[in-house]
Amino acid sequence: MAQGKTKGLQVKAPSQRHAQKAASSTKKGKRHIAPKKTALVKQATMHKSLTAKINKSIEQQMVAAASAGKLTIMKNSIPET
């Protein structure tokens, strides 16, 4: 009789309490609040643009260094002149 249905066993429905508890907790990591003052907004946009320029410069230097050797891991994205 092991193959038949078992009496009284019911599948427990997933509780909504666990989902609410997970959604209400704060996320890990640094908190960032956007600036509201005009001077701070201007400073934040300048910082963001400078960071992007620095990252782009570093990536171009890495591409140039990788392209110089025989074995290249990165794509050759240096414009041909």
PDB file of N, CA and C in Angstrom:
ATOM      1  N   MET A   1       0.804  -1.196   0.000  1.00  0.00           N
ATOM      2  CA  MET A   1       0.000   0.000   0.000  1.00  0.00           C
ATOM      3  C   MET A   1       0.852   1.268   0.000  1.00  0.00           C
ATOM      4  N   ALA A   2       2.116   1.133  -0.245  1.00  0.00           N
ATOM      5  CA  ALA A   2       2.981   2.306  -0.224  1.00  0.00           C
ATOM      6  C   ALA A   2       2.765   3.190  -1.447  1.00  0.00           C
ATOM      7  N   GLN A   3       2.124   2.647  -2.475  1.00  0.00           N
ATOM      8  CA  GLN A   3       1.982   3.414  -3.699  1.00  0.00           C
ATOM      9  C   GLN A   3       0.731   4.271  -3.739  1.00  0.00           C
ATOM     10  N   GLY A   4      -0.178   4.091  -2.833  1.00  0.00           N
ATOM     11  CA  GLY A   4      -1.421   4.850  -2.839  1.00  0.00           C
ATOM     12  C   GLY A   4      -1.252   6.212  -2.173  1.00  0.00           C
ATOM     13  N   LYS A   5      -2.339   6.972  -2.185  1.00  0.00           N
ATOM     14  CA  LYS A   5      -2.322   8.277  -1.538  1.00  0.00           C
ATOM     15  C   LYS A   5      -2.249   8.112  -0.029  1.00  0.00           C
ATOM     16  N   THR A   6      -1.585   9.053   0.597  1.00  0.00           N
ATOM     17  CA  THR A   6      -1.552   9.040   2.045  1.00  0.00           C
ATOM     18  C   THR A   6      -2.647   9.969   2.558  1.00  0.00           C
ATOM     19  N   LYS A   7      -3.317   9.530   3.584  1.00  0.00           N
ATOM     20  CA  LYS A   7      -4.428  10.314   4.110  1.00  0.00           C
ATOM     21  C   LYS A   7      -3.913  11.417   5.021  1.00  0.00           C
ATOM     22  N   GLY A   8      -4.554  12.537   4.961  1.00  0.00           N
ATOM     23  CA  GLY A   8      -4.267  13.599   5.913  1.00  0.00           C
ATOM     24  C   GLY A   8      -3.074  14.477   5.583  1.00  0.00           C
ATOM     25  N   LEU A   9      -2.269  14.143   4.591  1.00  0.00           N
ATOM     26  CA  LEU A   9      -1.128  14.991   4.251  1.00  0.00           C
ATOM     27  C   LEU A   9      -1.574  16.056   3.263  1.00  0.00           C
ATOM     28  N   GLN A  10      -1.296  17.281   3.581  1.00  0.00           N
ATOM     29  CA  GLN A  10      -1.646  18.386   2.695  1.00  0.00           C
ATOM     30  C   GLN A  10      -0.386  19.200   2.425  1.00  0.00           C
ATOM     31  N   VAL A  11      -0.332  19.764   1.238  1.00  0.00           N
ATOM     32  CA  VAL A  11       0.806  20.606   0.898  1.00  0.00           C
ATOM     33  C   VAL A  11       0.615  21.960   1.561  1.00  0.00           C
ATOM     34  N   LYS A  12       1.642  22.391   2.255  1.00  0.00           N
ATOM     35  CA  LYS A  12       1.562  23.651   2.972  1.00  0.00           C
ATOM     36  C   LYS A  12       1.765  24.801   1.985  1.00  0.00           C
ATOM     37  N   ALA A  13       0.860  25.758   2.006  1.00  0.00           N
ATOM     38  CA  ALA A  13       0.960  26.909   1.102  1.00  0.00           C
ATOM     39  C   ALA A  13       2.076  27.828   1.587  1.00  0.00           C
ATOM     40  N   PRO A  14       2.816  28.416   0.653  1.00  0.00           N
ATOM     41  CA  PRO A  14       3.883  29.329   1.071  1.00  0.00           C
ATOM     42  C   PRO A  14       3.297  30.550   1.776  1.00  0.00           C
ATOM     43  N   SER A  15       3.877  30.890   2.908  1.00  0.00           N
ATOM     44  CA  SER A  15       3.315  31.979   3.704  1.00  0.00           C
ATOM     45  C   SER A  15       3.743  33.330   3.141  1.00  0.00           C
ATOM     46  N   GLN A  16       2.861  34.298   3.253  1.00  0.00           N
ATOM     47  CA  GLN A  16       3.161  35.640   2.782  1.00  0.00           C
ATOM     48  C   GLN A  16       3.976  36.405   3.815  1.00  0.00           C
ATOM     49  N   ARG A  17       3.995  35.909   5.024  1.00  0.00           N
ATOM     50  CA  ARG A  17       4.718  36.596   6.090  1.00  0.00           C
ATOM     51  C   ARG A  17       6.216  36.647   5.789  1.00  0.00           C
ATOM     52  N   HIS A  18       6.750  35.553   5.258  1.00  0.00           N
ATOM     53  CA  HIS A  18       8.178  35.509   4.937  1.00  0.00           C
ATOM     54  C   HIS A  18       8.505  36.489   3.812  1.00  0.00           C
ATOM     55  N   ALA A  19       7.641  36.576   2.820  1.00  0.00           N
ATOM     56  CA  ALA A  19       7.870  37.499   1.704  1.00  0.00           C
ATOM     57  C   ALA A  19       7.823  38.943   2.175  1.00  0.00           C
ATOM     58  N   GLN A  20       6.896  39.252   3.080  1.00  0.00           N
ATOM     59  CA  GLN A  20       6.798  40.608   3.599  1.00  0.00           C
ATOM     60  C   GLN A  20       8.031  40.955   4.429  1.00  0.00           C
ATOM     61  N   LYS A  21       8.524  40.000   5.188  1.00  0.00           N
ATOM     62  CA  LYS A  21       9.690  40.236   6.033  1.00  0.00           C
ATOM     63  C   LYS A  21      10.928  40.480   5.164  1.00  0.00           C
ATOM     64  N   ALA A  22      11.065  39.725   4.081  1.00  0.00           N
ATOM     65  CA  ALA A  22      12.211  39.893   3.196  1.00  0.00           C
ATOM     66  C   ALA A  22      12.149  41.227   2.461  1.00  0.00           C
ATOM     67  N   ALA A  23      10.948  41.662   2.089  1.00  0.00           N
ATOM     68  CA  ALA A  23      10.811  42.916   1.353  1.00  0.00           C
ATOM     69  C   ALA A  23      11.004  44.126   2.250  1.00  0.00           C
ATOM     70  N   SER A  24      10.687  43.991   3.521  1.00  0.00           N
ATOM     71  CA  SER A  24      10.767  45.143   4.407  1.00  0.00           C
ATOM     72  C   SER A  24      12.184  45.412   4.895  1.00  0.00           C
ATOM     73  N   SER A  25      13.053  44.414   4.852  1.00  0.00           N
ATOM     74  CA  SER A  25      14.404  44.612   5.354  1.00  0.00           C
ATOM     75  C   SER A  25      15.209  45.464   4.373  1.00  0.00           C
ATOM     76  N   THR A  26      16.194  46.193   4.905  1.00  0.00           N
ATOM     77  CA  THR A  26      17.004  47.057   4.056  1.00  0.00           C
ATOM     78  C   THR A  26      18.041  46.240   3.305  1.00  0.00           C
ATOM     79  N   LYS A  27      18.482  46.779   2.203  1.00  0.00           N
ATOM     80  CA  LYS A  27      19.456  46.087   1.379  1.00  0.00           C
ATOM     81  C   LYS A  27      20.864  46.335   1.897  1.00  0.00           C
ATOM     82  N   LYS A  28      21.773  45.429   1.554  1.00  0.00           N
ATOM     83  CA  LYS A  28      23.164  45.567   1.950  1.00  0.00           C
ATOM     84  C   LYS A  28      23.844  46.598   1.050  1.00  0.00           C
ATOM     85  N   GLY A  29      24.914  47.197   1.555  1.00  0.00           N
ATOM     86  CA  GLY A  29      25.702  48.111   0.746  1.00  0.00           C
ATOM     87  C   GLY A  29      25.579  49.540   1.208  1.00  0.00           C
ATOM     88  N   LYS A  30      26.366  50.410   0.556  1.00  0.00           N
ATOM     89  CA  LYS A  30      26.365  51.823   0.924  1.00  0.00           C
ATOM     90  C   LYS A  30      25.062  52.472   0.503  1.00  0.00           C
ATOM     91  N   ARG A  31      24.618  53.408   1.311  1.00  0.00           N
ATOM     92  CA  ARG A  31      23.412  54.166   0.982  1.00  0.00           C
ATOM     93  C   ARG A  31      23.826  55.440   0.262  1.00  0.00           C
ATOM     94  N   HIS A  32      23.091  55.812  -0.756  1.00  0.00           N
ATOM     95  CA  HIS A  32      23.393  57.027  -1.495  1.00  0.00           C
ATOM     96  C   HIS A  32      22.124  57.846  -1.608  1.00  0.00           C
ATOM     97  N   ILE A  33      22.198  59.063  -1.119  1.00  0.00           N
ATOM     98  CA  ILE A  33      21.072  59.979  -1.216  1.00  0.00           C
ATOM     99  C   ILE A  33      21.463  61.061  -2.210  1.00  0.00           C
ATOM    100  N   ALA A  34      20.638  61.277  -3.210  1.00  0.00           N
ATOM    101  CA  ALA A  34      20.941  62.252  -4.245  1.00  0.00           C
ATOM    102  C   ALA A  34      20.922  63.658  -3.653  1.00  0.00           C
ATOM    103  N   PRO A  35      21.877  64.513  -4.065  1.00  0.00           N
ATOM    104  CA  PRO A  35      21.908  65.865  -3.521  1.00  0.00           C
ATOM    105  C   PRO A  35      20.757  66.715  -4.041  1.00  0.00           C
ATOM    106  N   LYS A  36      20.314  67.667  -3.211  1.00  0.00           N
ATOM    107  CA  LYS A  36      19.208  68.528  -3.594  1.00  0.00           C
ATOM    108  C   LYS A  36      19.650  69.968  -3.808  1.00  0.00           C
ATOM    109  N   LYS A  37      20.706  70.406  -3.136  1.00  0.00           N
ATOM    110  CA  LYS A  37      21.191  71.768  -3.301  1.00  0.00           C
ATOM    111  C   LYS A  37      21.868  71.903  -4.662  1.00  0.00           C
ATOM    112  N   THR A  38      21.730  73.074  -5.280  1.00  0.00           N
ATOM    113  CA  THR A  38      22.234  73.253  -6.647  1.00  0.00           C
ATOM    114  C   THR A  38      23.741  73.089  -6.727  1.00  0.00           C
ATOM    115  N   ALA A  39      24.458  73.593  -5.724  1.00  0.00           N
ATOM    116  CA  ALA A  39      25.917  73.465  -5.743  1.00  0.00           C
ATOM    117  C   ALA A  39      26.335  72.008  -5.639  1.00  0.00           C
ATOM    118  N   LEU A  40      25.645  71.242  -4.800  1.00  0.00           N
ATOM    119  CA  LEU A  40      25.986  69.834  -4.640  1.00  0.00           C
ATOM    120  C   LEU A  40      25.590  69.012  -5.864  1.00  0.00           C
ATOM    121  N   VAL A  41      24.484  69.394  -6.518  1.00  0.00           N
ATOM    122  CA  VAL A  41      24.088  68.702  -7.744  1.00  0.00           C
ATOM    123  C   VAL A  41      25.131  68.926  -8.817  1.00  0.00           C
ATOM    124  N   LYS A  42      25.600  70.171  -8.929  1.00  0.00           N
ATOM    125  CA  LYS A  42      26.625  70.502  -9.926  1.00  0.00           C
ATOM    126  C   LYS A  42      27.916  69.735  -9.642  1.00  0.00           C
ATOM    127  N   GLN A  43      28.283  69.665  -8.366  1.00  0.00           N
ATOM    128  CA  GLN A  43      29.496  68.956  -7.974  1.00  0.00           C
ATOM    129  C   GLN A  43      29.369  67.464  -8.273  1.00  0.00           C
ATOM    130  N   ALA A  44      28.189  66.894  -8.027  1.00  0.00           N
ATOM    131  CA  ALA A  44      27.983  65.462  -8.272  1.00  0.00           C
ATOM    132  C   ALA A  44      28.060  65.144  -9.759  1.00  0.00           C
ATOM    133  N   THR A  45      27.477  66.004 -10.600  1.00  0.00           N
ATOM    134  CA  THR A  45      27.537  65.754 -12.048  1.00  0.00           C
ATOM    135  C   THR A  45      28.966  65.878 -12.559  1.00  0.00           C
ATOM    136  N   MET A  46      29.716  66.859 -12.027  1.00  0.00           N
ATOM    137  CA  MET A  46      31.112  67.021 -12.438  1.00  0.00           C
ATOM    138  C   MET A  46      31.927  65.794 -12.008  1.00  0.00           C
ATOM    139  N   HIS A  47      31.688  65.305 -10.790  1.00  0.00           N
ATOM    140  CA  HIS A  47      32.402  64.130 -10.291  1.00  0.00           C
ATOM    141  C   HIS A  47      32.099  62.908 -11.149  1.00  0.00           C
ATOM    142  N   LYS A  48      30.845  62.774 -11.553  1.00  0.00           N
ATOM    143  CA  LYS A  48      30.438  61.636 -12.379  1.00  0.00           C
ATOM    144  C   LYS A  48      31.101  61.695 -13.754  1.00  0.00           C
ATOM    145  N   SER A  49      31.148  62.889 -14.349  1.00  0.00           N
ATOM    146  CA  SER A  49      31.757  63.019 -15.676  1.00  0.00           C
ATOM    147  C   SER A  49      33.268  62.795 -15.608  1.00  0.00           C
ATOM    148  N   LEU A  50      33.915  63.302 -14.544  1.00  0.00           N
ATOM    149  CA  LEU A  50      35.353  63.082 -14.397  1.00  0.00           C
ATOM    150  C   LEU A  50      35.671  61.604 -14.197  1.00  0.00           C
ATOM    151  N   THR A  51      34.847  60.928 -13.435  1.00  0.00           N
ATOM    152  CA  THR A  51      35.046  59.495 -13.214  1.00  0.00           C
ATOM    153  C   THR A  51      34.926  58.731 -14.532  1.00  0.00           C
ATOM    154  N   ALA A  52      33.946  59.116 -15.345  1.00  0.00           N
ATOM    155  CA  ALA A  52      33.770  58.457 -16.637  1.00  0.00           C
ATOM    156  C   ALA A  52      34.964  58.700 -17.545  1.00  0.00           C
ATOM    157  N   LYS A  53      35.491  59.928 -17.551  1.00  0.00           N
ATOM    158  CA  LYS A  53      36.650  60.244 -18.390  1.00  0.00           C
ATOM    159  C   LYS A  53      37.886  59.478 -17.938  1.00  0.00           C
ATOM    160  N   ILE A  54      38.077  59.393 -16.620  1.00  0.00           N
ATOM    161  CA  ILE A  54      39.232  58.662 -16.084  1.00  0.00           C
ATOM    162  C   ILE A  54      39.135  57.185 -16.442  1.00  0.00           C
ATOM    163  N   ASN A  55      37.949  56.609 -16.290  1.00  0.00           N
ATOM    164  CA  ASN A  55      37.763  55.186 -16.624  1.00  0.00           C
ATOM    165  C   ASN A  55      38.005  54.929 -18.099  1.00  0.00           C
ATOM    166  N   LYS A  56      37.540  55.845 -18.944  1.00  0.00           N
ATOM    167  CA  LYS A  56      37.738  55.687 -20.390  1.00  0.00           C
ATOM    168  C   LYS A  56      39.222  55.761 -20.730  1.00  0.00           C
ATOM    169  N   SER A  57      39.942  56.676 -20.073  1.00  0.00           N
ATOM    170  CA  SER A  57      41.376  56.810 -20.307  1.00  0.00           C
ATOM    171  C   SER A  57      42.120  55.550 -19.881  1.00  0.00           C
ATOM    172  N   ILE A  58      41.755  55.012 -18.740  1.00  0.00           N
ATOM    173  CA  ILE A  58      42.406  53.793 -18.252  1.00  0.00           C
ATOM    174  C   ILE A  58      42.142  52.627 -19.200  1.00  0.00           C
ATOM    175  N   GLU A  59      40.908  52.524 -19.695  1.00  0.00           N
ATOM    176  CA  GLU A  59      40.581  51.452 -20.628  1.00  0.00           C
ATOM    177  C   GLU A  59      41.371  51.589 -21.922  1.00  0.00           C
ATOM    178  N   GLN A  60      41.536  52.818 -22.421  1.00  0.00           N
ATOM    179  CA  GLN A  60      42.315  53.023 -23.639  1.00  0.00           C
ATOM    180  C   GLN A  60      43.774  52.649 -23.425  1.00  0.00           C
ATOM    181  N   GLN A  61      44.328  52.974 -22.250  1.00  0.00           N
ATOM    182  CA  GLN A  61      45.707  52.602 -21.952  1.00  0.00           C
ATOM    183  C   GLN A  61      45.857  51.092 -21.872  1.00  0.00           C
ATOM    184  N   MET A  62      44.857  50.418 -21.298  1.00  0.00           N
ATOM    185  CA  MET A  62      44.909  48.952 -21.209  1.00  0.00           C
ATOM    186  C   MET A  62      44.833  48.318 -22.595  1.00  0.00           C
ATOM    187  N   VAL A  63      43.987  48.875 -23.452  1.00  0.00           N
ATOM    188  CA  VAL A  63      43.873  48.355 -24.816  1.00  0.00           C
ATOM    189  C   VAL A  63      45.179  48.558 -25.559  1.00  0.00           C
ATOM    190  N   ALA A  64      45.797  49.720 -25.386  1.00  0.00           N
ATOM    191  CA  ALA A  64      47.070  49.990 -26.057  1.00  0.00           C
ATOM    192  C   ALA A  64      48.154  49.040 -25.569  1.00  0.00           C
ATOM    193  N   ALA A  65      48.176  48.779 -24.265  1.00  0.00           N
ATOM    194  CA  ALA A  65      49.181  47.874 -23.716  1.00  0.00           C
ATOM    195  C   ALA A  65      48.943  46.444 -24.182  1.00  0.00           C
ATOM    196  N   ALA A  66      47.674  46.032 -24.273  1.00  0.00           N
ATOM    197  CA  ALA A  66      47.367  44.671 -24.705  1.00  0.00           C
ATOM    198  C   ALA A  66      47.600  44.501 -26.201  1.00  0.00           C
ATOM    199  N   SER A  67      47.387  45.560 -26.964  1.00  0.00           N
ATOM    200  CA  SER A  67      47.552  45.469 -28.417  1.00  0.00           C
ATOM    201  C   SER A  67      49.016  45.426 -28.821  1.00  0.00           C
ATOM    202  N   ALA A  68      49.897  45.913 -27.981  1.00  0.00           N
ATOM    203  CA  ALA A  68      51.319  45.951 -28.309  1.00  0.00           C
ATOM    204  C   ALA A  68      51.927  44.562 -28.364  1.00  0.00           C
ATOM    205  N   GLY A  69      51.430  43.633 -27.550  1.00  0.00           N
ATOM    206  CA  GLY A  69      51.993  42.291 -27.494  1.00  0.00           C
ATOM    207  C   GLY A  69      51.403  41.372 -28.551  1.00  0.00           C
ATOM    208  N   LYS A  70      51.964  40.167 -28.645  1.00  0.00           N
ATOM    209  CA  LYS A  70      51.457  39.186 -29.600  1.00  0.00           C
ATOM    210  C   LYS A  70      50.147  38.572 -29.121  1.00  0.00           C
ATOM    211  N   LEU A  71      50.085  38.280 -27.835  1.00  0.00           N
ATOM    212  CA  LEU A  71      48.866  37.705 -27.275  1.00  0.00           C
ATOM    213  C   LEU A  71      47.976  38.829 -26.789  1.00  0.00           C
ATOM    214  N   THR A  72      46.784  38.901 -27.348  1.00  0.00           N
ATOM    215  CA  THR A  72      45.865  39.963 -26.934  1.00  0.00           C
ATOM    216  C   THR A  72      44.616  39.335 -26.351  1.00  0.00           C
ATOM    217  N   ILE A  73      44.246  39.811 -25.210  1.00  0.00           N
ATOM    218  CA  ILE A  73      43.018  39.359 -24.571  1.00  0.00           C
ATOM    219  C   ILE A  73      41.887  40.323 -24.903  1.00  0.00           C
ATOM    220  N   MET A  74      42.225  41.613 -24.918  1.00  0.00           N
ATOM    221  CA  MET A  74      41.216  42.636 -25.173  1.00  0.00           C
ATOM    222  C   MET A  74      41.104  42.899 -26.671  1.00  0.00           C
ATOM    223  N   LYS A  75      39.972  43.449 -27.074  1.00  0.00           N
ATOM    224  CA  LYS A  75      39.768  43.796 -28.464  1.00  0.00           C
ATOM    225  C   LYS A  75      40.586  45.018 -28.823  1.00  0.00           C
ATOM    226  N   ASN A  76      41.029  45.097 -30.071  1.00  0.00           N
ATOM    227  CA  ASN A  76      41.761  46.262 -30.530  1.00  0.00           C
ATOM    228  C   ASN A  76      40.752  47.344 -30.869  1.00  0.00           C
ATOM    229  N   SER A  77      40.516  48.256 -29.936  1.00  0.00           N
ATOM    230  CA  SER A  77      39.543  49.310 -30.188  1.00  0.00           C
ATOM    231  C   SER A  77      40.219  50.667 -30.364  1.00  0.00           C
ATOM    232  N   ILE A  78      41.520  50.662 -30.643  1.00  0.00           N
ATOM    233  CA  ILE A  78      42.214  51.915 -30.905  1.00  0.00           C
ATOM    234  C   ILE A  78      41.874  52.340 -32.336  1.00  0.00           C
ATOM    235  N   PRO A  79      41.424  53.584 -32.509  1.00  0.00           N
ATOM    236  CA  PRO A  79      41.069  54.018 -33.874  1.00  0.00           C
ATOM    237  C   PRO A  79      42.307  54.056 -34.766  1.00  0.00           C
ATOM    238  N   GLU A  80      42.137  53.528 -35.962  1.00  0.00           N
ATOM    239  CA  GLU A  80      43.230  53.502 -36.947  1.00  0.00           C
ATOM    240  C   GLU A  80      43.391  54.890 -37.543  1.00  0.00           C
ATOM    241  N   THR A  81      44.631  55.420 -37.504  1.00  0.00           N
ATOM    242  CA  THR A  81      44.863  56.735 -38.074  1.00  0.00           C
ATOM    243  C   THR A  81      45.838  56.665 -39.207  1.00  0.00           C
TER     244      THR A  81
END
